[in-house]
Structure formats: C-alpha cells, structure tokens
Amino acid sequence: MEPKRFLFVSADAALITDLAWQVREEGHDVKYYIEAESDREIGDGFVSKIDNWEAEVDWADVIVFDDIWVGSDIGTGALAQELREDGNAVVGGTPNTDHLEEDRGYAMDILEEHGVNTVEHHIFDSFDAGIQHVQENPAPYVIKPLGEVQNVKRLLYVGNEDDGSDVVDVLKAYKKAWGHRMKGFQLQRKVEGVEIAICGFFNGNEFIDQVNFNFEHKKLFPGNIGPSTGEMGTSMFWAGQNKLFKETFGKLEGWLADEGYVGSIDINCIVNENGIYPLEFTPRFGYPTIALQEESIESSTGEFFYDLAHGNDPDVTVHNGYQIAVRVVLPPFPFDDEKTYDENSRNAAVVFDTESRDGIHLEDTKRIDGQWRVAGESGMPLVVTGKGETMQAAREQAYDRVDDIVIPNLYYRDDIGERWIDGDGDRLQAWGYLGPHAE
C-alpha cells in the first residue's frame, strides 16, 4: 500500500496519540489536532501537530476521531457524518451512535427494539425518586451516572447489599456532593456472571469477520479493589462471529449500516448460564483497548483503518492467542490534584532499561531531544502490552516489559489477566459461549 495521509482529531482530550504514532511509524503521513489546551503537548516529538484540523480536511485521505466528546458535549458523530456526506473517508460515529454512550436509556431502547436481551434498568433525574425505587424494590443495583459526569469514573457504584441499603446511602451522598452536576443516572439491576466486552469493527456497511473479546480491569488496585478508574488494564483475544457476537451486534448490524457508522464499537456485557446481558456501549475506540488491538493486529494498522474508512473489507491478520495491556500511571491518578501532580509527575523522565520499545504504547507522553517525558495533566504516560499462546504467557511478556521501565512513583495493577486464568475462561467455555459449539 502506498503511503496515505491520515488526519487524527481529538476534539476534547488527547486520546489517540499512540494510534497516530503507529500509523506514522508504518510510513504514512500523519497530522494530529488536540483541542484541550492542557493536553496539546501530548505526542510532541512523536507526531506532527496542527492548530486547525478543518483546514486539513482536503489534505487527508482518512480522518480519524478518537471520542464522542467535543468539550463537555457529544458532537464528533455530527462532525463525522457531515464530513462523510461531503465525500470524505472518516473513522467516526453519527449523532445517534454518540447518543448510545451519553444516554444509557436510549441505548437500552435500541437494544430492546432489535431483540437484544437487557438487564432490568430505570432512568432517574431525581435522587429522591431513585432512592424511593430502591427502597420499594430492594435488591443490589449498579449506579451509572448519565451525561458529561459519567466520565468521572469513580462515580460508578456497584451495590453489594441484597436490600439495596448501600445504594441508598451512596445516592444520598451523591445528592449532596454531585447534585449540581449529575443531571441523571441509571439504576441497573446487578447480575452475577462474567463481565466481557464484545468489540467489532464496522466499515459503514457490515462488521469485519474478526471480533475482539476483551476484559476490562477498572478498579485501581489488584483484586478489583479501590476507586473506579477509566481502566487499569485489559486482557483480550480475537475470534469469529460466535454466539456472543450474534446475540448482540449480530442483531444491530442493519441499524449500524443505516447509520453509516465506521470504526470500533464495543458492548460490555455480563454473561452467565442463563443468558447475555448488555450493560453499556462504547461507540468509539476504547482506551487502552486500542493500544492492545494495535499490538495484536499483525498486518498493517494504517491499511486496516484506511480500508475501514473507505467501506472496504480489510485483509487483517490478528494474533492467534491472548493479549494483555497494563496501564502505567503516576500520582495523583485517578484523582485531580495539581500540587501532587506538579511535585511527583509533571515532566518526569521516562527511562527504559533496554533499547527495545516493543509493547510500549503512548498515552500522556512527549519526546524532547530524544528523551521521553510525561506530558499533560492526567498521570497516564504509558500502556505496556504483551501477547502469547496462553494468557499466562501474555502476562509474563507484558510484566517483563513493565519491569524495564523506570519512572519515579509509577504504579500499576499486577493482576491483569488473572481473572481469565482463575476461572472466567472455564465458565465461558462451560456455558457454551466459546469453542466449537459457540457458533
């Protein structure tokens, strides 16, 4: 494939730096725009940056949006749709697919309209009404904020008490602390089982044959303890369009084609012996999922996204095994504390014990005179990946690579992938979702 011109757009925070770098390393021309002023140094020294992405639209062979947000509002889907209508090749959503993430009630309506099984759920715009519902219908629930505040990941709460009393207490606390910002929330009945995300790549007309199955590790500490973060690590594998896919995205393929969606779309589910229960959509790239998907796509990443954006069927080769990603973070992640960040993390040097950069992926990083340094204000400099024929082999490779990184005060979860080894894989197999009988 001849070199192509890729325009990457972060209409809010800088998220797609690593994919832009990967595509550049493959020999393509890359330009990258970042809207958030605090993030504009991210990627310096790795990719070419621009100040006005609209001025580069005619230059680009492919335009890639990294998220649904334009500042505090959804909006990249509308931009992508307009650009496609003007004849541009775009990786991005539509107003309706943006809405899948921003409005969980709408997402559940779409699932139900297309015959996909859903968990019992209720949308509230009043804390008092939500509290009353739990008291009148005692059970464990999950609290999921709606709108812009859902990006504050630590507000997601998974109830443990059978009478819902802990959920009532949390809702009362949120009313006091977050009532001015949390305009609504979803209460979702808690379901026990294995949490698994099904991720497909859509070319505007259909899904590609290869489906990505991944397992998120959202809590800060090993053992799934502590505050919720965006993500501390991911384990995954690729497979065909099996039962998990057919019972979820298989039923939505026509709707996505009508929308003209292009790119990665993920649906997180709880599955057990009784069924598949979708929880939420990610109608965009996942982070750090995309870094791990890059690592496991063994053919050209740039060619893959070029074909996807142009409505072609990509000839993609993926790693036939297991993969894990570990997010390496710094204080005060996942919280915001400027003083702590300034004292411990800002501009910190990223040092490697080896010359190899295999499995090292960028998040909030810049390069100055050849020296890698921490950039931005979030304390998420790197994602480290590994792959192998078994999940344990993937773990060993990834953590060997983490051991070669020297940044003062770094921390990470050391148990990514263990849930699969400890029984999740066996349960999915026993319930008929994997293996030769899962088609």
Protein backbone atom coordinates (compact mmCIF):
# COMPACT_ATOMS: atom_id res chain seq x y z
CA MET A 1 0.00 0.00 0.00
CA GLU A 2 1.31 3.43 -0.95
CA PRO A 3 1.64 5.93 1.93
CA LYS A 4 -1.64 7.67 2.75
CA ARG A 5 -2.48 10.90 4.58
CA PHE A 6 -4.14 10.50 7.99
CA LEU A 7 -5.70 13.33 10.00
CA PHE A 8 -6.28 12.47 13.68
CA VAL A 9 -8.67 14.69 15.64
CA SER A 10 -9.02 14.90 19.43
CA ALA A 11 -11.93 17.34 19.77
CA ASP A 12 -11.52 17.23 23.55
CA ALA A 13 -8.73 15.42 25.48
CA ALA A 14 -5.80 13.79 23.68
CA LEU A 15 -6.53 10.06 23.48
CA ILE A 16 -5.39 8.74 20.11
CA THR A 17 -1.68 9.62 20.22
CA ASP A 18 -0.49 6.03 20.09
CA LEU A 19 -2.52 5.09 17.02
CA ALA A 20 -1.29 8.22 15.25
CA TRP A 21 2.30 7.30 16.12
CA GLN A 22 1.81 3.70 14.98
CA VAL A 23 0.41 4.80 11.62
CA ARG A 24 3.28 7.28 11.21
CA GLU A 25 5.83 4.56 12.03
CA GLU A 26 4.35 2.48 9.20
CA GLY A 27 5.34 5.22 6.74
CA HIS A 28 2.11 7.17 6.35
CA ASP A 29 1.79 10.96 6.58
CA VAL A 30 0.13 11.96 9.86
CA LYS A 31 -1.18 15.22 11.27
CA TYR A 32 -2.71 15.42 14.74
CA TYR A 33 -5.01 18.05 16.28
CA ILE A 34 -5.74 18.35 20.03
CA GLU A 35 -8.45 20.71 21.27
CA ALA A 36 -7.80 20.63 25.05
CA GLU A 37 -5.14 23.22 25.82
CA SER A 38 -3.81 21.23 28.79
CA ASP A 39 -3.16 18.23 26.50
CA ARG A 40 -1.60 19.92 23.49
CA GLU A 41 1.95 18.92 24.39
CA ILE A 42 0.99 15.22 24.38
CA GLY A 43 2.60 13.49 21.42
CA ASP A 44 5.13 16.28 20.79
CA GLY A 45 8.21 14.75 19.20
CA PHE A 46 6.29 11.67 18.04
CA VAL A 47 3.78 13.04 15.50
CA SER A 48 3.26 16.29 13.60
CA LYS A 49 0.76 18.61 15.30
CA ILE A 50 -1.59 21.18 13.76
CA ASP A 51 -3.65 24.08 15.13
CA ASN A 52 -6.66 23.87 12.80
CA TRP A 53 -7.94 20.45 11.72
CA GLU A 54 -10.69 21.81 9.47
CA ALA A 55 -8.03 23.39 7.26
CA GLU A 56 -6.50 19.94 6.65
CA VAL A 57 -9.67 18.08 5.62
CA ASP A 58 -8.95 18.35 1.90
CA TRP A 59 -5.39 17.14 2.52
CA ALA A 60 -6.45 13.95 4.30
CA ASP A 61 -7.16 10.54 2.78
CA VAL A 62 -8.61 9.43 6.13
CA ILE A 63 -9.95 11.46 9.07
CA VAL A 64 -10.00 9.72 12.48
CA PHE A 65 -11.96 10.95 15.51
CA ASP A 66 -10.92 9.47 18.84
CA ASP A 67 -14.00 10.02 21.03
CA ILE A 68 -17.62 11.24 21.01
CA TRP A 69 -16.97 14.41 23.03
CA VAL A 70 -16.46 17.96 21.85
CA GLY A 71 -15.61 19.62 25.12
CA SER A 72 -18.38 18.75 27.61
CA ASP A 73 -20.93 17.83 24.91
CA ILE A 74 -21.23 14.93 22.49
CA GLY A 75 -20.64 16.01 18.93
CA THR A 76 -17.96 14.22 16.91
CA GLY A 77 -20.65 11.97 15.40
CA ALA A 78 -22.30 15.01 13.83
CA LEU A 79 -18.91 16.21 12.53
CA ALA A 80 -18.10 12.77 11.10
CA GLN A 81 -21.50 12.43 9.46
CA GLU A 82 -21.20 15.84 7.79
CA LEU A 83 -17.69 15.05 6.54
CA ARG A 84 -18.86 11.73 5.07
CA GLU A 85 -21.75 13.47 3.33
CA ASP A 86 -19.14 15.75 1.74
CA GLY A 87 -17.29 12.72 0.36
CA ASN A 88 -14.57 12.29 2.99
CA ALA A 89 -13.42 8.94 4.38
CA VAL A 90 -13.94 9.12 8.14
CA VAL A 91 -13.49 6.83 11.13
CA GLY A 92 -16.18 8.08 13.47
CA GLY A 93 -19.78 7.85 14.54
CA THR A 94 -23.10 9.60 13.98
CA PRO A 95 -25.30 11.67 16.29
CA ASN A 96 -27.34 8.57 17.14
CA THR A 97 -24.33 6.37 17.88
CA ASP A 98 -22.84 9.12 20.09
CA HIS A 99 -26.16 9.03 21.93
CA LEU A 100 -25.65 5.33 22.76
CA GLU A 101 -22.90 6.25 25.22
CA GLU A 102 -24.23 9.54 26.51
CA ASP A 103 -27.80 8.33 27.19
CA ARG A 104 -27.91 4.82 28.64
CA GLY A 105 -31.71 4.73 28.49
CA TYR A 106 -31.62 5.36 24.74
CA ALA A 107 -29.01 2.60 24.38
CA MET A 108 -31.27 0.11 26.15
CA ASP A 109 -34.21 1.16 23.95
CA ILE A 110 -32.17 0.44 20.81
CA LEU A 111 -31.16 -2.97 22.15
CA GLU A 112 -34.73 -3.89 23.02
CA GLU A 113 -36.08 -2.66 19.68
CA HIS A 114 -33.73 -5.09 17.93
CA GLY A 115 -34.48 -8.10 20.09
CA VAL A 116 -31.38 -8.00 22.29
CA ASN A 117 -31.86 -9.16 25.87
CA THR A 118 -31.34 -6.44 28.51
CA VAL A 119 -30.97 -6.15 32.27
CA GLU A 120 -33.79 -4.52 34.25
CA HIS A 121 -32.96 -0.81 34.32
CA HIS A 122 -34.53 2.52 35.23
CA ILE A 123 -33.55 6.12 34.42
CA PHE A 124 -33.95 8.85 37.04
CA ASP A 125 -33.42 12.61 37.00
CA SER A 126 -34.19 12.85 40.74
CA PHE A 127 -32.11 11.36 43.53
CA ASP A 128 -35.19 11.11 45.75
CA ALA A 129 -37.06 9.12 43.11
CA GLY A 130 -34.13 6.73 42.71
CA ILE A 131 -33.86 6.24 46.46
CA GLN A 132 -37.60 5.57 46.68
CA HIS A 133 -37.36 2.98 43.90
CA VAL A 134 -34.62 1.03 45.69
CA GLN A 135 -36.48 1.15 49.00
CA GLU A 136 -39.66 -0.14 47.35
CA ASN A 137 -37.81 -2.74 45.25
CA PRO A 138 -34.91 -3.90 47.44
CA ALA A 139 -32.10 -5.59 45.52
CA PRO A 140 -28.47 -4.98 44.57
CA TYR A 141 -28.19 -2.25 41.89
CA VAL A 142 -25.49 -0.55 39.85
CA ILE A 143 -25.49 3.27 39.78
CA LYS A 144 -24.40 4.67 36.41
CA PRO A 145 -24.29 8.47 36.01
CA LEU A 146 -25.59 9.95 32.77
CA GLY A 147 -24.27 12.72 30.56
CA GLU A 148 -20.94 14.51 30.90
CA VAL A 149 -20.41 13.50 34.54
CA GLN A 150 -20.26 9.81 33.57
CA ASN A 151 -16.63 10.50 32.64
CA VAL A 152 -15.92 10.81 36.37
CA LYS A 153 -15.42 7.05 36.54
CA ARG A 154 -15.25 6.81 40.31
CA LEU A 155 -18.98 7.73 40.48
CA LEU A 156 -19.98 4.36 39.07
CA TYR A 157 -21.06 2.25 42.02
CA VAL A 158 -21.80 -1.49 42.14
CA GLY A 159 -24.07 -2.39 45.03
CA ASN A 160 -23.38 -5.35 47.31
CA GLU A 161 -26.27 -5.48 49.77
CA ASP A 162 -29.32 -7.62 48.97
CA ASP A 163 -31.66 -4.94 50.35
CA GLY A 164 -30.01 -2.13 48.34
CA SER A 165 -29.19 -0.18 51.52
CA ASP A 166 -25.66 0.64 50.35
CA VAL A 167 -27.04 2.00 47.06
CA VAL A 168 -29.45 4.23 49.01
CA ASP A 169 -26.54 5.55 51.11
CA VAL A 170 -24.44 6.27 48.02
CA LEU A 171 -27.33 8.07 46.27
CA LYS A 172 -27.82 10.26 49.35
CA ALA A 173 -24.10 11.12 49.34
CA TYR A 174 -24.16 11.86 45.60
CA LYS A 175 -27.16 14.16 46.08
CA LYS A 176 -25.12 16.30 48.46
CA ALA A 177 -21.80 16.21 46.62
CA TRP A 178 -22.81 15.94 42.97
CA GLY A 179 -26.40 17.16 42.77
CA HIS A 180 -25.31 20.28 40.89
CA ARG A 181 -23.60 18.26 38.12
CA MET A 182 -25.23 14.83 37.98
CA LYS A 183 -28.36 15.55 35.94
CA GLY A 184 -29.48 11.95 35.87
CA PHE A 185 -28.48 8.37 36.48
CA GLN A 186 -29.41 4.83 35.60
CA LEU A 187 -30.13 2.15 38.17
CA GLN A 188 -29.34 -1.23 36.68
CA ARG A 189 -30.23 -4.48 38.44
CA LYS A 190 -26.98 -6.23 39.35
CA VAL A 191 -26.41 -9.52 37.53
CA GLU A 192 -23.80 -12.07 38.57
CA GLY A 193 -21.57 -13.71 35.98
CA VAL A 194 -18.53 -13.00 33.81
CA GLU A 195 -18.06 -9.46 32.52
CA ILE A 196 -16.91 -9.48 28.90
CA ALA A 197 -16.85 -6.82 26.19
CA ILE A 198 -17.57 -7.66 22.56
CA CYS A 199 -15.81 -5.28 20.16
CA GLY A 200 -16.49 -5.18 16.45
CA PHE A 201 -15.05 -3.08 13.66
CA PHE A 202 -17.67 -1.69 11.27
CA ASN A 203 -16.94 -0.35 7.78
CA GLY A 204 -20.18 1.56 7.26
CA ASN A 205 -21.97 -1.47 5.84
CA GLU A 206 -21.03 -4.52 7.91
CA PHE A 207 -18.75 -5.89 10.59
CA ILE A 208 -15.43 -7.44 9.65
CA ASP A 209 -15.17 -11.17 10.35
CA GLN A 210 -12.70 -10.88 13.22
CA VAL A 211 -14.29 -9.97 16.56
CA ASN A 212 -12.36 -8.74 19.59
CA PHE A 213 -13.34 -10.00 23.05
CA ASN A 214 -11.87 -8.12 25.98
CA PHE A 215 -11.98 -7.99 29.75
CA GLU A 216 -11.67 -4.61 31.47
CA HIS A 217 -10.00 -4.07 34.84
CA LYS A 218 -11.50 -0.80 36.06
CA LYS A 219 -10.59 -0.63 39.75
CA LEU A 220 -7.34 0.99 40.82
CA PHE A 221 -5.88 -1.84 42.91
CA PRO A 222 -5.24 -5.55 42.30
CA GLY A 223 -8.12 -7.77 43.29
CA ASN A 224 -10.59 -5.25 41.84
CA ILE A 225 -10.37 -3.03 44.93
CA GLY A 226 -10.46 0.73 45.25
CA PRO A 227 -11.90 3.60 43.22
CA SER A 228 -13.05 3.10 39.67
CA THR A 229 -10.70 4.44 37.02
CA GLY A 230 -11.23 4.72 33.30
CA GLU A 231 -9.26 1.49 33.01
CA MET A 232 -6.14 -0.01 34.59
CA GLY A 233 -5.62 -2.78 32.08
CA THR A 234 -7.25 -5.13 29.63
CA SER A 235 -6.95 -8.75 28.60
CA MET A 236 -8.30 -9.97 25.26
CA PHE A 237 -8.42 -12.43 22.40
CA TRP A 238 -9.84 -12.45 18.87
CA ALA A 239 -12.33 -14.95 17.49
CA GLY A 240 -15.01 -15.29 14.82
CA GLN A 241 -18.62 -14.14 14.89
CA ASN A 242 -19.66 -16.59 17.61
CA LYS A 243 -22.74 -16.79 19.84
CA LEU A 244 -21.69 -13.76 21.93
CA PHE A 245 -21.47 -11.66 18.77
CA LYS A 246 -24.61 -12.99 17.10
CA GLU A 247 -26.81 -12.37 20.15
CA THR A 248 -25.64 -8.75 20.44
CA PHE A 249 -24.04 -6.95 17.50
CA GLY A 250 -25.38 -9.51 15.05
CA LYS A 251 -28.84 -8.09 15.72
CA LEU A 252 -27.68 -4.47 15.38
CA GLU A 253 -25.74 -4.76 12.10
CA GLY A 254 -28.62 -3.37 10.00
CA TRP A 255 -29.13 -0.42 12.34
CA LEU A 256 -25.43 0.47 12.27
CA ALA A 257 -25.42 0.18 8.46
CA ASP A 258 -28.38 2.58 8.26
CA GLU A 259 -26.42 4.96 10.47
CA GLY A 260 -23.27 4.61 8.35
CA TYR A 261 -21.12 4.03 11.44
CA VAL A 262 -17.39 3.50 10.83
CA GLY A 263 -14.86 2.30 13.38
CA SER A 264 -14.65 0.37 16.63
CA ILE A 265 -17.80 -0.24 18.66
CA ASP A 266 -17.87 -2.14 21.92
CA ILE A 267 -20.69 -3.54 24.05
CA ASN A 268 -19.89 -4.55 27.61
CA CYS A 269 -21.95 -7.48 28.93
CA ILE A 270 -22.49 -9.75 31.89
CA VAL A 271 -22.97 -13.34 30.80
CA ASN A 272 -23.96 -16.40 32.79
CA GLU A 273 -25.60 -19.77 32.21
CA ASN A 274 -28.96 -18.04 31.68
CA GLY A 275 -28.02 -15.54 29.01
CA ILE A 276 -26.14 -12.48 27.75
CA TYR A 277 -26.97 -9.13 29.37
CA PRO A 278 -25.57 -5.98 27.68
CA LEU A 279 -24.62 -3.21 30.08
CA GLU A 280 -23.28 -0.29 28.04
CA PHE A 281 -21.89 0.79 24.69
CA THR A 282 -18.57 2.34 23.76
CA PRO A 283 -19.26 3.68 20.23
CA ARG A 284 -15.63 4.76 19.67
CA PHE A 285 -12.15 3.50 20.42
CA GLY A 286 -11.59 2.16 23.93
CA TYR A 287 -8.55 3.18 25.96
CA PRO A 288 -6.19 1.42 26.48
CA THR A 289 -8.03 -1.21 24.40
CA ILE A 290 -7.00 0.34 21.07
CA ALA A 291 -3.30 0.14 22.03
CA LEU A 292 -3.68 -3.57 22.69
CA GLN A 293 -5.65 -4.07 19.49
CA GLU A 294 -2.84 -2.35 17.58
CA GLU A 295 -0.37 -4.75 19.18
CA SER A 296 -2.49 -7.77 18.22
CA ILE A 297 -3.16 -6.66 14.62
CA GLU A 298 -0.15 -8.18 12.91
CA SER A 299 -0.88 -6.73 9.47
CA SER A 300 -0.70 -3.00 8.68
CA THR A 301 -2.71 -0.88 11.13
CA GLY A 302 -2.83 2.07 8.75
CA GLU A 303 -4.09 -0.07 5.88
CA PHE A 304 -6.72 -1.58 8.17
CA PHE A 305 -8.21 1.80 9.08
CA TYR A 306 -7.86 3.13 5.53
CA ASP A 307 -9.92 0.19 4.25
CA LEU A 308 -12.44 0.52 7.07
CA ALA A 309 -12.98 4.23 6.36
CA HIS A 310 -13.42 3.57 2.62
CA GLY A 311 -16.02 0.85 3.11
CA ASN A 312 -13.71 -1.98 2.10
CA ASP A 313 -13.34 -5.39 3.74
CA PRO A 314 -9.91 -5.15 5.40
CA ASP A 315 -7.50 -8.03 4.87
CA VAL A 316 -6.44 -8.11 8.51
CA THR A 317 -4.25 -10.63 10.32
CA VAL A 318 -4.57 -10.83 14.10
CA HIS A 319 -2.54 -12.62 16.76
CA ASN A 320 -3.91 -16.09 17.36
CA GLY A 321 -3.63 -16.24 21.12
CA TYR A 322 -4.09 -13.94 24.10
CA GLN A 323 -3.04 -10.38 24.79
CA ILE A 324 -2.90 -8.10 27.84
CA ALA A 325 -2.33 -4.37 28.37
CA VAL A 326 -1.15 -2.74 31.59
CA ARG A 327 -1.67 0.96 32.19
CA VAL A 328 1.32 2.55 33.95
CA VAL A 329 0.22 5.58 35.98
CA LEU A 330 1.57 8.28 38.28
CA PRO A 331 0.24 10.34 41.23
CA PRO A 332 -2.43 11.56 41.70
CA PHE A 333 -4.21 9.29 39.16
CA PRO A 334 -7.17 8.69 39.13
CA PHE A 335 -7.77 11.93 41.03
CA ASP A 336 -7.11 15.57 40.18
CA ASP A 337 -4.64 17.35 42.45
CA GLU A 338 -2.43 19.88 40.71
CA LYS A 339 0.04 20.23 43.58
CA THR A 340 0.59 16.46 43.85
CA TYR A 341 0.99 16.18 40.08
CA ASP A 342 3.48 19.06 39.96
CA GLU A 343 5.56 17.58 42.77
CA ASN A 344 5.60 13.97 41.57
CA SER A 345 4.82 13.64 37.91
CA ARG A 346 4.94 16.71 35.68
CA ASN A 347 7.67 16.41 33.03
CA ALA A 348 9.08 13.31 34.75
CA ALA A 349 11.65 11.42 32.68
CA VAL A 350 10.59 8.06 31.26
CA VAL A 351 13.64 5.81 31.29
CA PHE A 352 14.00 2.32 29.81
CA ASP A 353 16.46 -0.36 30.88
CA THR A 354 16.63 -1.77 27.35
CA GLU A 355 16.82 -0.39 23.82
CA SER A 356 13.66 -2.24 22.80
CA ARG A 357 10.34 -0.38 22.68
CA ASP A 358 8.33 -3.49 21.79
CA GLY A 359 4.97 -3.39 23.53
CA ILE A 360 5.40 0.22 24.69
CA HIS A 361 2.46 2.46 23.77
CA LEU A 362 1.96 6.18 24.27
CA GLU A 363 -0.66 7.87 26.36
CA ASP A 364 0.35 11.14 28.04
CA THR A 365 3.91 11.29 26.75
CA LYS A 366 6.11 13.67 24.77
CA ARG A 367 9.67 13.44 23.42
CA ILE A 368 12.15 16.28 23.84
CA ASP A 369 15.65 15.94 22.32
CA GLY A 370 15.19 12.18 22.26
CA GLN A 371 14.13 11.97 25.93
CA TRP A 372 10.66 10.59 26.68
CA ARG A 373 8.83 12.66 29.29
CA VAL A 374 5.45 12.68 30.99
CA ALA A 375 3.04 15.14 29.38
CA GLY A 376 -0.43 16.53 30.04
CA GLU A 377 -2.05 16.54 33.46
CA SER A 378 -3.64 13.11 33.91
CA GLY A 379 -0.73 10.95 35.08
CA MET A 380 -1.18 8.20 32.45
CA PRO A 381 2.09 8.13 30.50
CA LEU A 382 2.23 4.60 29.07
CA VAL A 383 0.42 1.39 28.22
CA VAL A 384 2.53 -1.77 28.13
CA THR A 385 1.34 -4.83 26.21
CA GLY A 386 2.20 -8.49 25.87
CA LYS A 387 0.88 -11.45 23.93
CA GLY A 388 1.30 -15.21 23.95
CA GLU A 389 -0.29 -18.55 23.18
CA THR A 390 -1.76 -18.56 26.70
CA MET A 391 -2.99 -15.76 28.95
CA GLN A 392 -0.15 -16.54 31.36
CA ALA A 393 2.42 -16.20 28.57
CA ALA A 394 0.92 -12.84 27.61
CA ARG A 395 1.10 -11.74 31.25
CA GLU A 396 4.74 -12.74 31.57
CA GLN A 397 5.74 -10.81 28.46
CA ALA A 398 3.86 -7.67 29.46
CA TYR A 399 5.14 -7.57 33.04
CA ASP A 400 8.71 -8.28 31.92
CA ARG A 401 8.39 -5.15 29.78
CA VAL A 402 6.94 -3.14 32.68
CA ASP A 403 9.97 -4.14 34.76
CA ASP A 404 12.20 -2.39 32.21
CA ILE A 405 10.52 1.00 32.77
CA VAL A 406 11.92 3.46 35.31
CA ILE A 407 9.73 6.39 36.35
CA PRO A 408 9.77 7.58 39.96
CA ASN A 409 6.48 6.87 41.76
CA LEU A 410 4.95 4.75 38.98
CA TYR A 411 2.27 2.22 39.87
CA TYR A 412 0.09 -0.32 38.06
CA ARG A 413 -2.06 -3.37 38.63
CA ASP A 414 -0.10 -6.62 38.63
CA ASP A 415 -3.10 -8.93 38.15
CA ILE A 416 -4.28 -8.14 34.62
CA GLY A 417 -5.42 -11.38 33.00
CA GLU A 418 -5.62 -13.39 36.22
CA ARG A 419 -9.43 -13.47 36.21
CA TRP A 420 -9.32 -15.44 32.96
CA ILE A 421 -6.83 -17.92 34.39
CA ASP A 422 -8.72 -18.20 37.70
CA GLY A 423 -11.96 -19.32 36.08
CA ASP A 424 -13.59 -16.80 33.73
CA GLY A 425 -12.35 -18.71 30.68
CA ASP A 426 -13.59 -22.03 32.03
CA ARG A 427 -17.00 -20.59 32.87
CA LEU A 428 -17.48 -19.08 29.42
CA GLN A 429 -16.48 -22.39 27.86
CA ALA A 430 -18.83 -24.38 30.11
CA TRP A 431 -21.75 -22.06 29.33
CA GLY A 432 -21.24 -22.59 25.59
CA TYR A 433 -20.04 -19.11 24.61
CA LEU A 434 -16.60 -20.20 23.38
CA GLY A 435 -15.18 -23.10 21.43
CA PRO A 436 -16.53 -25.19 18.55
CA HIS A 437 -20.14 -25.19 19.77
CA ALA A 438 -20.37 -21.41 20.20
CA GLU A 439 -21.15 -20.62 16.58
